[in-house]
């Protein structure tokens, strides 16, 4: 697995101002080990890239990006529409057989909670557009706690730790200083 980051860091604050990241990742260690041992015959004549991939990421404070996320795979594309920090729309384009053929187009809308969805005594205001969308995340956490779960099946603790390590590596490559650090 490879992480390469370039960007600009503010000299005064140590904050990352804008960053481009390239990621390359292999399939899981279990799959790779199984392939190396040869205990299973290949399932296809093509390359074994299940679970492997590359990613290109950009984020920053100095410019206004489209703020969308696009995942491209062998079976199609998934687009998390803007604003990606609190999306309300997901588009899936399922690949058709052959080049330039029109595949299936699926759209899913996830509206933000409205004022009418709030309890009458809830007088909270939100500082950033879309912040009310965190209500869904809070509800998911409450459901997990109520059912005795210590993590969500959609995003496990192991996945969280992997992401934190990637973020730490990006910050290290950029020279981002810890809060209060010099």
C-alpha atoms as a PDB file:
ATOM      1  CA  UNK A   1       0.000   0.000   0.000  1.00  0.00           C
ATOM      2  CA  UNK A   2       1.335   3.422  -0.971  1.00  0.00           C
ATOM      3  CA  UNK A   3       0.425   6.938   0.205  1.00  0.00           C
ATOM      4  CA  UNK A   4       1.942   9.966  -1.575  1.00  0.00           C
ATOM      5  CA  UNK A   5       0.929  13.474  -0.521  1.00  0.00           C
ATOM      6  CA  UNK A   6       1.926  16.914  -1.772  1.00  0.00           C
ATOM      7  CA  UNK A   7       0.512  20.215  -0.725  1.00  0.00           C
ATOM      8  CA  UNK A   8       0.914  23.542   0.987  1.00  0.00           C
ATOM      9  CA  UNK A   9       1.103  24.080   4.723  1.00  0.00           C
ATOM     10  CA  UNK A  10       0.718  27.502   6.331  1.00  0.00           C
ATOM     11  CA  UNK A  11       4.076  28.501   7.893  1.00  0.00           C
ATOM     12  CA  UNK A  12       2.446  30.375  10.756  1.00  0.00           C
ATOM     13  CA  UNK A  13      -0.228  27.880  11.862  1.00  0.00           C
ATOM     14  CA  UNK A  14       1.032  24.559  10.476  1.00  0.00           C
ATOM     15  CA  UNK A  15      -2.411  23.931   8.939  1.00  0.00           C
ATOM     16  CA  UNK A  16      -2.623  22.111   5.605  1.00  0.00           C
ATOM     17  CA  UNK A  17      -4.023  24.619   3.101  1.00  0.00           C
ATOM     18  CA  UNK A  18      -4.410  22.361   0.092  1.00  0.00           C
ATOM     19  CA  UNK A  19      -3.385  18.801  -0.603  1.00  0.00           C
ATOM     20  CA  UNK A  20      -3.322  16.210  -3.351  1.00  0.00           C
ATOM     21  CA  UNK A  21      -3.028  12.572  -2.310  1.00  0.00           C
ATOM     22  CA  UNK A  22      -2.376   9.482  -4.395  1.00  0.00           C
ATOM     23  CA  UNK A  23      -3.205   6.107  -2.854  1.00  0.00           C
ATOM     24  CA  UNK A  24      -2.444   2.651  -4.163  1.00  0.00           C
ATOM     25  CA  UNK A  25      -3.736  -0.361  -2.296  1.00  0.00           C
ATOM     26  CA  UNK A  26      -3.605  -4.086  -2.804  1.00  0.00           C
ATOM     27  CA  UNK A  27      -6.286  -6.634  -2.124  1.00  0.00           C
ATOM     28  CA  UNK A  28      -6.573  -7.835   1.452  1.00  0.00           C
ATOM     29  CA  UNK A  29      -3.653  -9.765   2.901  1.00  0.00           C
ATOM     30  CA  UNK A  30      -5.855 -12.879   3.201  1.00  0.00           C
ATOM     31  CA  UNK A  31      -6.728 -12.860  -0.498  1.00  0.00           C
ATOM     32  CA  UNK A  32      -3.109 -12.217  -1.475  1.00  0.00           C
ATOM     33  CA  UNK A  33      -1.849 -15.049   0.749  1.00  0.00           C
ATOM     34  CA  UNK A  34      -4.402 -17.486  -0.685  1.00  0.00           C
ATOM     35  CA  UNK A  35      -3.332 -16.608  -4.240  1.00  0.00           C
ATOM     36  CA  UNK A  36       0.348 -17.064  -3.388  1.00  0.00           C
ATOM     37  CA  UNK A  37      -0.186 -20.487  -1.867  1.00  0.00           C
ATOM     38  CA  UNK A  38      -2.027 -21.683  -4.946  1.00  0.00           C
ATOM     39  CA  UNK A  39      -4.648 -23.545  -2.918  1.00  0.00           C
ATOM     40  CA  UNK A  40      -7.470 -22.325  -5.150  1.00  0.00           C
ATOM     41  CA  UNK A  41      -7.559 -22.341  -8.930  1.00  0.00           C
ATOM     42  CA  UNK A  42      -7.978 -18.925 -10.563  1.00  0.00           C
ATOM     43  CA  UNK A  43     -11.638 -17.997 -11.017  1.00  0.00           C
ATOM     44  CA  UNK A  44     -11.015 -15.987 -14.179  1.00  0.00           C
ATOM     45  CA  UNK A  45      -8.412 -15.563 -16.850  1.00  0.00           C
ATOM     46  CA  UNK A  46      -8.036 -11.850 -16.069  1.00  0.00           C
ATOM     47  CA  UNK A  47      -5.817 -10.202 -13.474  1.00  0.00           C
ATOM     48  CA  UNK A  48      -6.757 -10.769  -9.839  1.00  0.00           C
ATOM     49  CA  UNK A  49      -7.416  -7.234  -8.668  1.00  0.00           C
ATOM     50  CA  UNK A  50     -10.406  -7.808  -6.377  1.00  0.00           C
ATOM     51  CA  UNK A  51     -10.131  -5.344  -3.520  1.00  0.00           C
ATOM     52  CA  UNK A  52      -7.154  -3.544  -5.075  1.00  0.00           C
ATOM     53  CA  UNK A  53      -7.163  -0.069  -6.528  1.00  0.00           C
ATOM     54  CA  UNK A  54      -5.863   3.448  -6.741  1.00  0.00           C
ATOM     55  CA  UNK A  55      -7.344   6.746  -5.594  1.00  0.00           C
ATOM     56  CA  UNK A  56      -6.684  10.403  -6.259  1.00  0.00           C
ATOM     57  CA  UNK A  57      -7.871  12.859  -3.613  1.00  0.00           C
ATOM     58  CA  UNK A  58      -7.847  16.651  -3.390  1.00  0.00           C
ATOM     59  CA  UNK A  59      -8.908  18.878  -0.546  1.00  0.00           C
ATOM     60  CA  UNK A  60      -8.114  22.382   0.469  1.00  0.00           C
ATOM     61  CA  UNK A  61      -9.021  25.743   1.902  1.00  0.00           C
ATOM     62  CA  UNK A  62      -7.554  27.919  -0.878  1.00  0.00           C
ATOM     63  CA  UNK A  63      -9.974  27.055  -3.658  1.00  0.00           C
ATOM     64  CA  UNK A  64     -13.567  25.986  -4.086  1.00  0.00           C
ATOM     65  CA  UNK A  65     -13.647  22.448  -5.434  1.00  0.00           C
ATOM     66  CA  UNK A  66     -16.768  20.720  -6.791  1.00  0.00           C
ATOM     67  CA  UNK A  67     -16.914  18.922  -3.415  1.00  0.00           C
ATOM     68  CA  UNK A  68     -18.046  15.607  -4.849  1.00  0.00           C
ATOM     69  CA  UNK A  69     -16.758  12.071  -4.604  1.00  0.00           C
ATOM     70  CA  UNK A  70     -16.632   9.722  -7.578  1.00  0.00           C
ATOM     71  CA  UNK A  71     -15.738   6.048  -7.262  1.00  0.00           C
ATOM     72  CA  UNK A  72     -15.064   4.217 -10.521  1.00  0.00           C
ATOM     73  CA  UNK A  73     -14.998   0.439 -10.625  1.00  0.00           C
ATOM     74  CA  UNK A  74     -15.253  -2.437 -13.061  1.00  0.00           C
ATOM     75  CA  UNK A  75     -19.072  -2.487 -12.852  1.00  0.00           C
ATOM     76  CA  UNK A  76     -19.752   1.238 -13.052  1.00  0.00           C
ATOM     77  CA  UNK A  77     -19.513   4.550 -11.199  1.00  0.00           C
ATOM     78  CA  UNK A  78     -20.835   5.893  -7.936  1.00  0.00           C
ATOM     79  CA  UNK A  79     -21.094   9.652  -7.412  1.00  0.00           C
ATOM     80  CA  UNK A  80     -21.657  11.222  -4.021  1.00  0.00           C
ATOM     81  CA  UNK A  81     -23.022  14.612  -5.018  1.00  0.00           C
ATOM     82  CA  UNK A  82     -21.986  17.961  -3.621  1.00  0.00           C
ATOM     83  CA  UNK A  83     -21.596  18.868  -0.866  1.00  0.00           C
ATOM     84  CA  UNK A  84     -19.610  15.698  -0.149  1.00  0.00           C
ATOM     85  CA  UNK A  85     -19.234  16.561   3.545  1.00  0.00           C
ATOM     86  CA  UNK A  86     -23.024  16.275   3.883  1.00  0.00           C
ATOM     87  CA  UNK A  87     -24.420  14.736   0.709  1.00  0.00           C
ATOM     88  CA  UNK A  88     -28.113  14.496  -0.040  1.00  0.00           C
ATOM     89  CA  UNK A  89     -27.856  12.670  -3.360  1.00  0.00           C
ATOM     90  CA  UNK A  90     -26.133   9.524  -4.619  1.00  0.00           C
ATOM     91  CA  UNK A  91     -25.959   8.567  -8.305  1.00  0.00           C
ATOM     92  CA  UNK A  92     -25.030   5.091  -9.517  1.00  0.00           C
ATOM     93  CA  UNK A  93     -24.213   4.463 -13.169  1.00  0.00           C
ATOM     94  CA  UNK A  94     -24.161   0.708 -13.803  1.00  0.00           C
ATOM     95  CA  UNK A  95     -21.915  -0.178 -16.719  1.00  0.00           C
ATOM     96  CA  UNK A  96     -23.533  -1.726 -19.793  1.00  0.00           C
ATOM     97  CA  UNK A  97     -21.884  -4.421 -21.888  1.00  0.00           C
ATOM     98  CA  UNK A  98     -19.619  -2.870 -24.509  1.00  0.00           C
ATOM     99  CA  UNK A  99     -18.159   0.599 -24.866  1.00  0.00           C
ATOM    100  CA  UNK A 100     -20.407   3.660 -25.256  1.00  0.00           C
ATOM    101  CA  UNK A 101     -23.538   1.712 -24.353  1.00  0.00           C
ATOM    102  CA  UNK A 102     -26.028   3.291 -21.968  1.00  0.00           C
ATOM    103  CA  UNK A 103     -26.211   1.406 -18.675  1.00  0.00           C
ATOM    104  CA  UNK A 104     -28.576   1.694 -15.760  1.00  0.00           C
ATOM    105  CA  UNK A 105     -28.830   5.105 -14.049  1.00  0.00           C
ATOM    106  CA  UNK A 106     -29.972   5.101 -10.413  1.00  0.00           C
ATOM    107  CA  UNK A 107     -30.487   8.163  -8.210  1.00  0.00           C
ATOM    108  CA  UNK A 108     -31.065   8.137  -4.476  1.00  0.00           C
ATOM    109  CA  UNK A 109     -32.043  11.255  -2.527  1.00  0.00           C
ATOM    110  CA  UNK A 110     -31.410  11.661   1.184  1.00  0.00           C
ATOM    111  CA  UNK A 111     -32.961  14.963   2.286  1.00  0.00           C
ATOM    112  CA  UNK A 112     -31.642  16.767   5.328  1.00  0.00           C
ATOM    113  CA  UNK A 113     -33.924  16.759   8.356  1.00  0.00           C
ATOM    114  CA  UNK A 114     -36.337  19.668   8.121  1.00  0.00           C
ATOM    115  CA  UNK A 115     -37.446  22.078  10.831  1.00  0.00           C
ATOM    116  CA  UNK A 116     -40.689  20.058  11.046  1.00  0.00           C
ATOM    117  CA  UNK A 117     -38.682  16.912  11.929  1.00  0.00           C
ATOM    118  CA  UNK A 118     -37.420  18.486  15.160  1.00  0.00           C
ATOM    119  CA  UNK A 119     -38.988  18.182  18.582  1.00  0.00           C
ATOM    120  CA  UNK A 120     -40.889  21.322  19.573  1.00  0.00           C
ATOM    121  CA  UNK A 121     -38.367  22.132  22.333  1.00  0.00           C
ATOM    122  CA  UNK A 122     -35.305  21.732  20.059  1.00  0.00           C
ATOM    123  CA  UNK A 123     -34.012  25.271  19.457  1.00  0.00           C
ATOM    124  CA  UNK A 124     -30.541  24.387  18.129  1.00  0.00           C
ATOM    125  CA  UNK A 125     -29.046  26.297  15.239  1.00  0.00           C
ATOM    126  CA  UNK A 126     -26.332  25.113  12.875  1.00  0.00           C
ATOM    127  CA  UNK A 127     -23.224  27.100  11.997  1.00  0.00           C
ATOM    128  CA  UNK A 128     -22.316  25.287   8.792  1.00  0.00           C
ATOM    129  CA  UNK A 129     -24.609  24.386   5.898  1.00  0.00           C
ATOM    130  CA  UNK A 130     -25.641  20.747   6.040  1.00  0.00           C
ATOM    131  CA  UNK A 131     -24.664  20.241   9.685  1.00  0.00           C
ATOM    132  CA  UNK A 132     -28.177  19.030  10.479  1.00  0.00           C
ATOM    133  CA  UNK A 133     -27.287  15.919   8.454  1.00  0.00           C
ATOM    134  CA  UNK A 134     -25.236  14.720  11.425  1.00  0.00           C
ATOM    135  CA  UNK A 135     -28.584  13.847  13.004  1.00  0.00           C
ATOM    136  CA  UNK A 136     -28.523  10.654  10.910  1.00  0.00           C
ATOM    137  CA  UNK A 137     -25.068   9.732  12.215  1.00  0.00           C
ATOM    138  CA  UNK A 138     -26.121  10.442  15.800  1.00  0.00           C
ATOM    139  CA  UNK A 139     -29.219   8.266  15.341  1.00  0.00           C
ATOM    140  CA  UNK A 140     -27.066   5.408  13.995  1.00  0.00           C
ATOM    141  CA  UNK A 141     -24.762   5.666  17.021  1.00  0.00           C
ATOM    142  CA  UNK A 142     -27.783   5.641  19.365  1.00  0.00           C
ATOM    143  CA  UNK A 143     -29.145   2.499  17.646  1.00  0.00           C
ATOM    144  CA  UNK A 144     -25.774   0.744  18.028  1.00  0.00           C
ATOM    145  CA  UNK A 145     -25.507   1.664  21.698  1.00  0.00           C
ATOM    146  CA  UNK A 146     -29.100   0.565  22.359  1.00  0.00           C
ATOM    147  CA  UNK A 147     -28.409  -2.820  20.748  1.00  0.00           C
ATOM    148  CA  UNK A 148     -25.129  -3.300  22.653  1.00  0.00           C
ATOM    149  CA  UNK A 149     -22.851  -2.854  19.639  1.00  0.00           C
ATOM    150  CA  UNK A 150     -19.461  -1.187  20.030  1.00  0.00           C
ATOM    151  CA  UNK A 151     -19.103  -0.374  16.327  1.00  0.00           C
ATOM    152  CA  UNK A 152     -21.245  -0.066  13.245  1.00  0.00           C
ATOM    153  CA  UNK A 153     -21.246  -2.859  10.686  1.00  0.00           C
ATOM    154  CA  UNK A 154     -21.042  -0.191   7.945  1.00  0.00           C
ATOM    155  CA  UNK A 155     -17.696   1.162   9.200  1.00  0.00           C
ATOM    156  CA  UNK A 156     -15.765  -0.971  11.654  1.00  0.00           C
ATOM    157  CA  UNK A 157     -13.145   0.021  14.218  1.00  0.00           C
ATOM    158  CA  UNK A 158     -10.457  -1.653  12.083  1.00  0.00           C
ATOM    159  CA  UNK A 159     -11.468   0.493   9.098  1.00  0.00           C
ATOM    160  CA  UNK A 160     -11.423   3.597  11.295  1.00  0.00           C
ATOM    161  CA  UNK A 161      -7.882   2.793  12.461  1.00  0.00           C
ATOM    162  CA  UNK A 162      -6.698   2.229   8.877  1.00  0.00           C
ATOM    163  CA  UNK A 163      -8.124   5.626   7.857  1.00  0.00           C
ATOM    164  CA  UNK A 164      -6.497   7.321  10.873  1.00  0.00           C
ATOM    165  CA  UNK A 165      -3.121   5.812   9.910  1.00  0.00           C
ATOM    166  CA  UNK A 166      -3.488   7.034   6.315  1.00  0.00           C
ATOM    167  CA  UNK A 167      -4.383  10.531   7.576  1.00  0.00           C
ATOM    168  CA  UNK A 168      -1.373  10.490   9.934  1.00  0.00           C
ATOM    169  CA  UNK A 169       0.887   9.500   7.019  1.00  0.00           C
ATOM    170  CA  UNK A 170      -0.509  12.312   4.842  1.00  0.00           C
ATOM    171  CA  UNK A 171       0.038  14.861   7.637  1.00  0.00           C
ATOM    172  CA  UNK A 172       3.554  13.552   8.207  1.00  0.00           C
ATOM    173  CA  UNK A 173       4.476  13.846   4.522  1.00  0.00           C
ATOM    174  CA  UNK A 174       3.122  17.405   4.402  1.00  0.00           C
ATOM    175  CA  UNK A 175       4.750  18.490   7.653  1.00  0.00           C
ATOM    176  CA  UNK A 176       1.461  19.385   9.339  1.00  0.00           C
ATOM    177  CA  UNK A 177       2.151  20.263  12.968  1.00  0.00           C
ATOM    178  CA  UNK A 178      -0.015  19.015  15.837  1.00  0.00           C
ATOM    179  CA  UNK A 179      -2.392  21.548  17.362  1.00  0.00           C
ATOM    180  CA  UNK A 180      -0.319  23.716  19.684  1.00  0.00           C
ATOM    181  CA  UNK A 181       2.888  22.108  18.383  1.00  0.00           C
ATOM    182  CA  UNK A 182       5.833  23.986  17.004  1.00  0.00           C
END
